[in-house]
Amino acid sequence: MELTATEFRLLRTLIEREGRVQSRSQLLQAAWDTTAALQTRTVDMHVQRLRAKLGSAGDCIETVRGVGYRFRRPEPKARKR
């Protein structure tokens, strides 16, 4: 899997801020270094592509309706005894 530079910055930002909801404008600032030139749908499209590239690991990127996105590590699976 190869990520674009922007996808990598987006993923890095989400992981560095794990568990904290990031608004689209916060992600624009962090990944694109801008606050106004791009539409917030740009963030949505990049998150969608990033999830697709990550496969099942893409489920770690949660959508928080009306706010933005959050990275959460998957819950460890219970061991069978």
PDB file of N, CA and C in Angstrom:
ATOM      1  N   MET A   1       0.846  -1.164   0.000  1.00  0.00           N
ATOM      2  CA  MET A   1       0.000   0.000   0.000  1.00  0.00           C
ATOM      3  C   MET A   1       0.897   1.233   0.000  1.00  0.00           C
ATOM      4  N   GLU A   2       0.614   2.120  -0.890  1.00  0.00           N
ATOM      5  CA  GLU A   2       1.341   3.392  -0.929  1.00  0.00           C
ATOM      6  C   GLU A   2       0.379   4.525  -0.653  1.00  0.00           C
ATOM      7  N   LEU A   3       0.783   5.397   0.258  1.00  0.00           N
ATOM      8  CA  LEU A   3      -0.016   6.565   0.580  1.00  0.00           C
ATOM      9  C   LEU A   3       0.589   7.787  -0.085  1.00  0.00           C
ATOM     10  N   THR A   4      -0.263   8.710  -0.481  1.00  0.00           N
ATOM     11  CA  THR A   4       0.239   9.988  -0.958  1.00  0.00           C
ATOM     12  C   THR A   4       0.764  10.760   0.258  1.00  0.00           C
ATOM     13  N   ALA A   5       1.505  11.812   0.013  1.00  0.00           N
ATOM     14  CA  ALA A   5       2.034  12.628   1.111  1.00  0.00           C
ATOM     15  C   ALA A   5       0.896  13.195   1.956  1.00  0.00           C
ATOM     16  N   THR A   6      -0.165  13.617   1.309  1.00  0.00           N
ATOM     17  CA  THR A   6      -1.311  14.177   2.036  1.00  0.00           C
ATOM     18  C   THR A   6      -1.998  13.108   2.872  1.00  0.00           C
ATOM     19  N   GLU A   7      -2.198  11.921   2.313  1.00  0.00           N
ATOM     20  CA  GLU A   7      -2.819  10.830   3.067  1.00  0.00           C
ATOM     21  C   GLU A   7      -1.970  10.477   4.284  1.00  0.00           C
ATOM     22  N   PHE A   8      -0.658  10.467   4.091  1.00  0.00           N
ATOM     23  CA  PHE A   8       0.242  10.152   5.197  1.00  0.00           C
ATOM     24  C   PHE A   8       0.129  11.206   6.302  1.00  0.00           C
ATOM     25  N   ARG A   9       0.124  12.484   5.932  1.00  0.00           N
ATOM     26  CA  ARG A   9      -0.001  13.551   6.928  1.00  0.00           C
ATOM     27  C   ARG A   9      -1.342  13.464   7.657  1.00  0.00           C
ATOM     28  N   LEU A  10      -2.390  13.143   6.922  1.00  0.00           N
ATOM     29  CA  LEU A  10      -3.717  12.993   7.510  1.00  0.00           C
ATOM     30  C   LEU A  10      -3.725  11.841   8.524  1.00  0.00           C
ATOM     31  N   LEU A  11      -3.192  10.701   8.137  1.00  0.00           N
ATOM     32  CA  LEU A  11      -3.138   9.540   9.031  1.00  0.00           C
ATOM     33  C   LEU A  11      -2.257   9.836  10.247  1.00  0.00           C
ATOM     34  N   ARG A  12      -1.110  10.445  10.009  1.00  0.00           N
ATOM     35  CA  ARG A  12      -0.212  10.782  11.120  1.00  0.00           C
ATOM     36  C   ARG A  12      -0.904  11.703  12.117  1.00  0.00           C
ATOM     37  N   THR A  13      -1.617  12.695  11.615  1.00  0.00           N
ATOM     38  CA  THR A  13      -2.336  13.631  12.489  1.00  0.00           C
ATOM     39  C   THR A  13      -3.365  12.898  13.330  1.00  0.00           C
ATOM     40  N   LEU A  14      -4.142  12.026  12.704  1.00  0.00           N
ATOM     41  CA  LEU A  14      -5.172  11.282  13.440  1.00  0.00           C
ATOM     42  C   LEU A  14      -4.548  10.378  14.502  1.00  0.00           C
ATOM     43  N   ILE A  15      -3.449   9.708  14.157  1.00  0.00           N
ATOM     44  CA  ILE A  15      -2.801   8.805  15.114  1.00  0.00           C
ATOM     45  C   ILE A  15      -2.176   9.594  16.261  1.00  0.00           C
ATOM     46  N   GLU A  16      -1.517  10.708  15.947  1.00  0.00           N
ATOM     47  CA  GLU A  16      -0.904  11.522  16.993  1.00  0.00           C
ATOM     48  C   GLU A  16      -1.945  12.058  17.972  1.00  0.00           C
ATOM     49  N   ARG A  17      -3.158  12.260  17.492  1.00  0.00           N
ATOM     50  CA  ARG A  17      -4.231  12.814  18.325  1.00  0.00           C
ATOM     51  C   ARG A  17      -5.261  11.735  18.665  1.00  0.00           C
ATOM     52  N   GLU A  18      -4.780  10.528  18.803  1.00  0.00           N
ATOM     53  CA  GLU A  18      -5.627   9.353  19.031  1.00  0.00           C
ATOM     54  C   GLU A  18      -6.656   9.590  20.135  1.00  0.00           C
ATOM     55  N   GLY A  19      -7.900   9.205  19.817  1.00  0.00           N
ATOM     56  CA  GLY A  19      -8.981   9.303  20.782  1.00  0.00           C
ATOM     57  C   GLY A  19      -9.642  10.666  20.840  1.00  0.00           C
ATOM     58  N   ARG A  20      -9.026  11.670  20.237  1.00  0.00           N
ATOM     59  CA  ARG A  20      -9.595  13.019  20.251  1.00  0.00           C
ATOM     60  C   ARG A  20     -10.234  13.321  18.905  1.00  0.00           C
ATOM     61  N   VAL A  21     -11.431  13.821  18.929  1.00  0.00           N
ATOM     62  CA  VAL A  21     -12.132  14.163  17.691  1.00  0.00           C
ATOM     63  C   VAL A  21     -11.451  15.365  17.052  1.00  0.00           C
ATOM     64  N   GLN A  22     -11.189  15.247  15.754  1.00  0.00           N
ATOM     65  CA  GLN A  22     -10.566  16.319  14.984  1.00  0.00           C
ATOM     66  C   GLN A  22     -11.591  16.856  13.993  1.00  0.00           C
ATOM     67  N   SER A  23     -11.830  18.135  14.050  1.00  0.00           N
ATOM     68  CA  SER A  23     -12.760  18.732  13.095  1.00  0.00           C
ATOM     69  C   SER A  23     -12.120  18.743  11.707  1.00  0.00           C
ATOM     70  N   ARG A  24     -12.947  18.913  10.708  1.00  0.00           N
ATOM     71  CA  ARG A  24     -12.426  18.986   9.345  1.00  0.00           C
ATOM     72  C   ARG A  24     -11.466  20.166   9.201  1.00  0.00           C
ATOM     73  N   SER A  25     -11.778  21.277   9.845  1.00  0.00           N
ATOM     74  CA  SER A  25     -10.884  22.438   9.742  1.00  0.00           C
ATOM     75  C   SER A  25      -9.554  22.171  10.444  1.00  0.00           C
ATOM     76  N   GLN A  26      -9.561  21.435  11.550  1.00  0.00           N
ATOM     77  CA  GLN A  26      -8.303  21.071  12.202  1.00  0.00           C
ATOM     78  C   GLN A  26      -7.465  20.173  11.294  1.00  0.00           C
ATOM     79  N   LEU A  27      -8.125  19.235  10.615  1.00  0.00           N
ATOM     80  CA  LEU A  27      -7.404  18.343   9.709  1.00  0.00           C
ATOM     81  C   LEU A  27      -6.893  19.093   8.486  1.00  0.00           C
ATOM     82  N   LEU A  28      -7.671  20.056   7.991  1.00  0.00           N
ATOM     83  CA  LEU A  28      -7.186  20.887   6.883  1.00  0.00           C
ATOM     84  C   LEU A  28      -5.915  21.615   7.281  1.00  0.00           C
ATOM     85  N   GLN A  29      -5.915  22.168   8.473  1.00  0.00           N
ATOM     86  CA  GLN A  29      -4.743  22.895   8.955  1.00  0.00           C
ATOM     87  C   GLN A  29      -3.539  21.967   9.076  1.00  0.00           C
ATOM     88  N   ALA A  30      -3.744  20.802   9.648  1.00  0.00           N
ATOM     89  CA  ALA A  30      -2.633  19.885   9.906  1.00  0.00           C
ATOM     90  C   ALA A  30      -2.100  19.204   8.650  1.00  0.00           C
ATOM     91  N   ALA A  31      -2.978  18.719   7.799  1.00  0.00           N
ATOM     92  CA  ALA A  31      -2.541  17.929   6.635  1.00  0.00           C
ATOM     93  C   ALA A  31      -2.272  18.766   5.398  1.00  0.00           C
ATOM     94  N   TRP A  32      -2.982  19.873   5.259  1.00  0.00           N
ATOM     95  CA  TRP A  32      -2.825  20.709   4.062  1.00  0.00           C
ATOM     96  C   TRP A  32      -2.171  22.047   4.376  1.00  0.00           C
ATOM     97  N   ASP A  33      -1.991  22.331   5.661  1.00  0.00           N
ATOM     98  CA  ASP A  33      -1.428  23.602   6.116  1.00  0.00           C
ATOM     99  C   ASP A  33      -2.218  24.790   5.580  1.00  0.00           C
ATOM    100  N   THR A  34      -3.535  24.650   5.638  1.00  0.00           N
ATOM    101  CA  THR A  34      -4.417  25.717   5.181  1.00  0.00           C
ATOM    102  C   THR A  34      -5.681  25.722   6.021  1.00  0.00           C
ATOM    103  N   THR A  35      -6.371  26.826   6.011  1.00  0.00           N
ATOM    104  CA  THR A  35      -7.628  26.893   6.749  1.00  0.00           C
ATOM    105  C   THR A  35      -8.803  27.251   5.854  1.00  0.00           C
ATOM    106  N   ALA A  36      -8.556  27.829   4.683  1.00  0.00           N
ATOM    107  CA  ALA A  36      -9.683  28.337   3.906  1.00  0.00           C
ATOM    108  C   ALA A  36      -9.708  27.925   2.447  1.00  0.00           C
ATOM    109  N   ALA A  37      -8.589  27.608   1.853  1.00  0.00           N
ATOM    110  CA  ALA A  37      -8.536  27.404   0.409  1.00  0.00           C
ATOM    111  C   ALA A  37      -9.260  26.141  -0.064  1.00  0.00           C
ATOM    112  N   LEU A  38      -9.387  25.156   0.784  1.00  0.00           N
ATOM    113  CA  LEU A  38     -10.001  23.893   0.386  1.00  0.00           C
ATOM    114  C   LEU A  38     -11.360  23.730   1.048  1.00  0.00           C
ATOM    115  N   GLN A  39     -12.217  22.979   0.411  1.00  0.00           N
ATOM    116  CA  GLN A  39     -13.527  22.669   0.973  1.00  0.00           C
ATOM    117  C   GLN A  39     -13.394  21.519   1.969  1.00  0.00           C
ATOM    118  N   THR A  40     -14.258  21.481   2.959  1.00  0.00           N
ATOM    119  CA  THR A  40     -14.188  20.403   3.935  1.00  0.00           C
ATOM    120  C   THR A  40     -14.488  19.043   3.307  1.00  0.00           C
ATOM    121  N   ARG A  41     -15.182  19.019   2.180  1.00  0.00           N
ATOM    122  CA  ARG A  41     -15.428  17.746   1.480  1.00  0.00           C
ATOM    123  C   ARG A  41     -14.102  17.137   1.020  1.00  0.00           C
ATOM    124  N   THR A  42     -13.085  17.962   0.846  1.00  0.00           N
ATOM    125  CA  THR A  42     -11.758  17.463   0.490  1.00  0.00           C
ATOM    126  C   THR A  42     -11.274  16.505   1.568  1.00  0.00           C
ATOM    127  N   VAL A  43     -11.475  16.863   2.820  1.00  0.00           N
ATOM    128  CA  VAL A  43     -11.079  15.996   3.931  1.00  0.00           C
ATOM    129  C   VAL A  43     -11.861  14.685   3.855  1.00  0.00           C
ATOM    130  N   ASP A  44     -13.158  14.760   3.643  1.00  0.00           N
ATOM    131  CA  ASP A  44     -13.989  13.558   3.568  1.00  0.00           C
ATOM    132  C   ASP A  44     -13.512  12.612   2.466  1.00  0.00           C
ATOM    133  N   MET A  45     -13.187  13.159   1.320  1.00  0.00           N
ATOM    134  CA  MET A  45     -12.742  12.323   0.197  1.00  0.00           C
ATOM    135  C   MET A  45     -11.387  11.681   0.506  1.00  0.00           C
ATOM    136  N   HIS A  46     -10.494  12.416   1.122  1.00  0.00           N
ATOM    137  CA  HIS A  46      -9.195  11.846   1.468  1.00  0.00           C
ATOM    138  C   HIS A  46      -9.328  10.773   2.542  1.00  0.00           C
ATOM    139  N   VAL A  47     -10.202  10.978   3.512  1.00  0.00           N
ATOM    140  CA  VAL A  47     -10.430   9.962   4.540  1.00  0.00           C
ATOM    141  C   VAL A  47     -11.003   8.703   3.886  1.00  0.00           C
ATOM    142  N   GLN A  48     -11.929   8.878   2.961  1.00  0.00           N
ATOM    143  CA  GLN A  48     -12.521   7.734   2.268  1.00  0.00           C
ATOM    144  C   GLN A  48     -11.444   6.938   1.525  1.00  0.00           C
ATOM    145  N   ARG A  49     -10.566   7.618   0.807  1.00  0.00           N
ATOM    146  CA  ARG A  49      -9.484   6.928   0.075  1.00  0.00           C
ATOM    147  C   ARG A  49      -8.505   6.274   1.039  1.00  0.00           C
ATOM    148  N   LEU A  50      -8.199   6.964   2.131  1.00  0.00           N
ATOM    149  CA  LEU A  50      -7.275   6.425   3.124  1.00  0.00           C
ATOM    150  C   LEU A  50      -7.846   5.153   3.739  1.00  0.00           C
ATOM    151  N   ARG A  51      -9.114   5.160   4.092  1.00  0.00           N
ATOM    152  CA  ARG A  51      -9.750   3.952   4.639  1.00  0.00           C
ATOM    153  C   ARG A  51      -9.662   2.795   3.652  1.00  0.00           C
ATOM    154  N   ALA A  52      -9.911   3.075   2.392  1.00  0.00           N
ATOM    155  CA  ALA A  52      -9.861   2.023   1.371  1.00  0.00           C
ATOM    156  C   ALA A  52      -8.453   1.428   1.275  1.00  0.00           C
ATOM    157  N   LYS A  53      -7.447   2.272   1.317  1.00  0.00           N
ATOM    158  CA  LYS A  53      -6.067   1.791   1.228  1.00  0.00           C
ATOM    159  C   LYS A  53      -5.661   0.999   2.463  1.00  0.00           C
ATOM    160  N   LEU A  54      -6.205   1.364   3.621  1.00  0.00           N
ATOM    161  CA  LEU A  54      -5.851   0.674   4.862  1.00  0.00           C
ATOM    162  C   LEU A  54      -6.581  -0.646   5.037  1.00  0.00           C
ATOM    163  N   GLY A  55      -7.593  -0.893   4.227  1.00  0.00           N
ATOM    164  CA  GLY A  55      -8.356  -2.135   4.346  1.00  0.00           C
ATOM    165  C   GLY A  55      -9.087  -2.192   5.678  1.00  0.00           C
ATOM    166  N   SER A  56      -9.011  -3.340   6.350  1.00  0.00           N
ATOM    167  CA  SER A  56      -9.734  -3.486   7.619  1.00  0.00           C
ATOM    168  C   SER A  56      -9.211  -2.536   8.692  1.00  0.00           C
ATOM    169  N   ALA A  57      -7.962  -2.117   8.595  1.00  0.00           N
ATOM    170  CA  ALA A  57      -7.404  -1.160   9.556  1.00  0.00           C
ATOM    171  C   ALA A  57      -8.051   0.215   9.401  1.00  0.00           C
ATOM    172  N   GLY A  58      -8.680   0.463   8.258  1.00  0.00           N
ATOM    173  CA  GLY A  58      -9.375   1.720   8.039  1.00  0.00           C
ATOM    174  C   GLY A  58     -10.540   1.929   8.996  1.00  0.00           C
ATOM    175  N   ASP A  59     -11.000   0.829   9.619  1.00  0.00           N
ATOM    176  CA  ASP A  59     -12.084   0.937  10.600  1.00  0.00           C
ATOM    177  C   ASP A  59     -11.646   1.710  11.847  1.00  0.00           C
ATOM    178  N   CYS A  60     -10.339   1.901  12.024  1.00  0.00           N
ATOM    179  CA  CYS A  60      -9.830   2.650  13.175  1.00  0.00           C
ATOM    180  C   CYS A  60     -10.126   4.142  13.038  1.00  0.00           C
ATOM    181  N   ILE A  61     -10.453   4.591  11.837  1.00  0.00           N
ATOM    182  CA  ILE A  61     -10.797   5.990  11.627  1.00  0.00           C
ATOM    183  C   ILE A  61     -12.312   6.105  11.719  1.00  0.00           C
ATOM    184  N   GLU A  62     -12.773   6.701  12.795  1.00  0.00           N
ATOM    185  CA  GLU A  62     -14.209   6.827  13.047  1.00  0.00           C
ATOM    186  C   GLU A  62     -14.722   8.177  12.566  1.00  0.00           C
ATOM    187  N   THR A  63     -15.907   8.164  11.997  1.00  0.00           N
ATOM    188  CA  THR A  63     -16.592   9.411  11.661  1.00  0.00           C
ATOM    189  C   THR A  63     -17.407   9.836  12.869  1.00  0.00           C
ATOM    190  N   VAL A  64     -17.257  11.091  13.268  1.00  0.00           N
ATOM    191  CA  VAL A  64     -18.064  11.654  14.339  1.00  0.00           C
ATOM    192  C   VAL A  64     -18.990  12.647  13.653  1.00  0.00           C
ATOM    193  N   ARG A  65     -20.231  12.222  13.471  1.00  0.00           N
ATOM    194  CA  ARG A  65     -21.196  13.009  12.685  1.00  0.00           C
ATOM    195  C   ARG A  65     -21.277  14.458  13.140  1.00  0.00           C
ATOM    196  N   GLY A  66     -21.227  15.330  12.142  1.00  0.00           N
ATOM    197  CA  GLY A  66     -21.354  16.753  12.396  1.00  0.00           C
ATOM    198  C   GLY A  66     -20.113  17.419  12.966  1.00  0.00           C
ATOM    199  N   VAL A  67     -19.064  16.623  13.228  1.00  0.00           N
ATOM    200  CA  VAL A  67     -17.863  17.186  13.843  1.00  0.00           C
ATOM    201  C   VAL A  67     -16.630  16.919  12.994  1.00  0.00           C
ATOM    202  N   GLY A  68     -16.283  15.644  12.813  1.00  0.00           N
ATOM    203  CA  GLY A  68     -15.068  15.312  12.073  1.00  0.00           C
ATOM    204  C   GLY A  68     -14.727  13.844  12.208  1.00  0.00           C
ATOM    205  N   TYR A  69     -13.463  13.582  12.562  1.00  0.00           N
ATOM    206  CA  TYR A  69     -12.961  12.215  12.604  1.00  0.00           C
ATOM    207  C   TYR A  69     -12.118  11.988  13.849  1.00  0.00           C
ATOM    208  N   ARG A  70     -12.006  10.690  14.215  1.00  0.00           N
ATOM    209  CA  ARG A  70     -11.204  10.311  15.371  1.00  0.00           C
ATOM    210  C   ARG A  70     -10.535   8.974  15.054  1.00  0.00           C
ATOM    211  N   PHE A  71      -9.306   8.803  15.528  1.00  0.00           N
ATOM    212  CA  PHE A  71      -8.598   7.535  15.395  1.00  0.00           C
ATOM    213  C   PHE A  71      -8.728   6.773  16.700  1.00  0.00           C
ATOM    214  N   ARG A  72      -9.124   5.525  16.597  1.00  0.00           N
ATOM    215  CA  ARG A  72      -9.207   4.635  17.763  1.00  0.00           C
ATOM    216  C   ARG A  72      -8.564   3.309  17.407  1.00  0.00           C
ATOM    217  N   ARG A  73      -7.726   2.837  18.303  1.00  0.00           N
ATOM    218  CA  ARG A  73      -7.125   1.509  18.104  1.00  0.00           C
ATOM    219  C   ARG A  73      -8.210   0.455  18.263  1.00  0.00           C
ATOM    220  N   PRO A  74      -8.079  -0.635  17.535  1.00  0.00           N
ATOM    221  CA  PRO A  74      -9.084  -1.710  17.701  1.00  0.00           C
ATOM    222  C   PRO A  74      -8.983  -2.335  19.076  1.00  0.00           C
ATOM    223  N   GLU A  75     -10.100  -2.784  19.574  1.00  0.00           N
ATOM    224  CA  GLU A  75     -10.122  -3.474  20.861  1.00  0.00           C
ATOM    225  C   GLU A  75      -9.392  -4.808  20.719  1.00  0.00           C
ATOM    226  N   PRO A  76      -8.540  -5.147  21.687  1.00  0.00           N
ATOM    227  CA  PRO A  76      -7.874  -6.449  21.603  1.00  0.00           C
ATOM    228  C   PRO A  76      -8.890  -7.568  21.695  1.00  0.00           C
ATOM    229  N   LYS A  77      -8.671  -8.587  20.912  1.00  0.00           N
ATOM    230  CA  LYS A  77      -9.581  -9.726  20.918  1.00  0.00           C
ATOM    231  C   LYS A  77      -9.331 -10.571  22.163  1.00  0.00           C
ATOM    232  N   ALA A  78     -10.407 -11.059  22.743  1.00  0.00           N
ATOM    233  CA  ALA A  78     -10.294 -11.894  23.942  1.00  0.00           C
ATOM    234  C   ALA A  78      -9.643 -13.221  23.570  1.00  0.00           C
ATOM    235  N   ARG A  79      -8.765 -13.668  24.432  1.00  0.00           N
ATOM    236  CA  ARG A  79      -8.116 -14.960  24.202  1.00  0.00           C
ATOM    237  C   ARG A  79      -9.060 -16.093  24.566  1.00  0.00           C
ATOM    238  N   LYS A  80      -8.985 -17.140  23.773  1.00  0.00           N
ATOM    239  CA  LYS A  80      -9.767 -18.333  24.091  1.00  0.00           C
ATOM    240  C   LYS A  80      -9.029 -19.127  25.140  1.00  0.00           C
ATOM    241  N   ARG A  81      -9.772 -19.653  26.082  1.00  0.00           N
ATOM    242  CA  ARG A  81      -9.147 -20.452  27.153  1.00  0.00           C
ATOM    243  C   ARG A  81      -9.325 -21.912  26.904  1.00  0.00           C
TER     244      ARG A  81
END
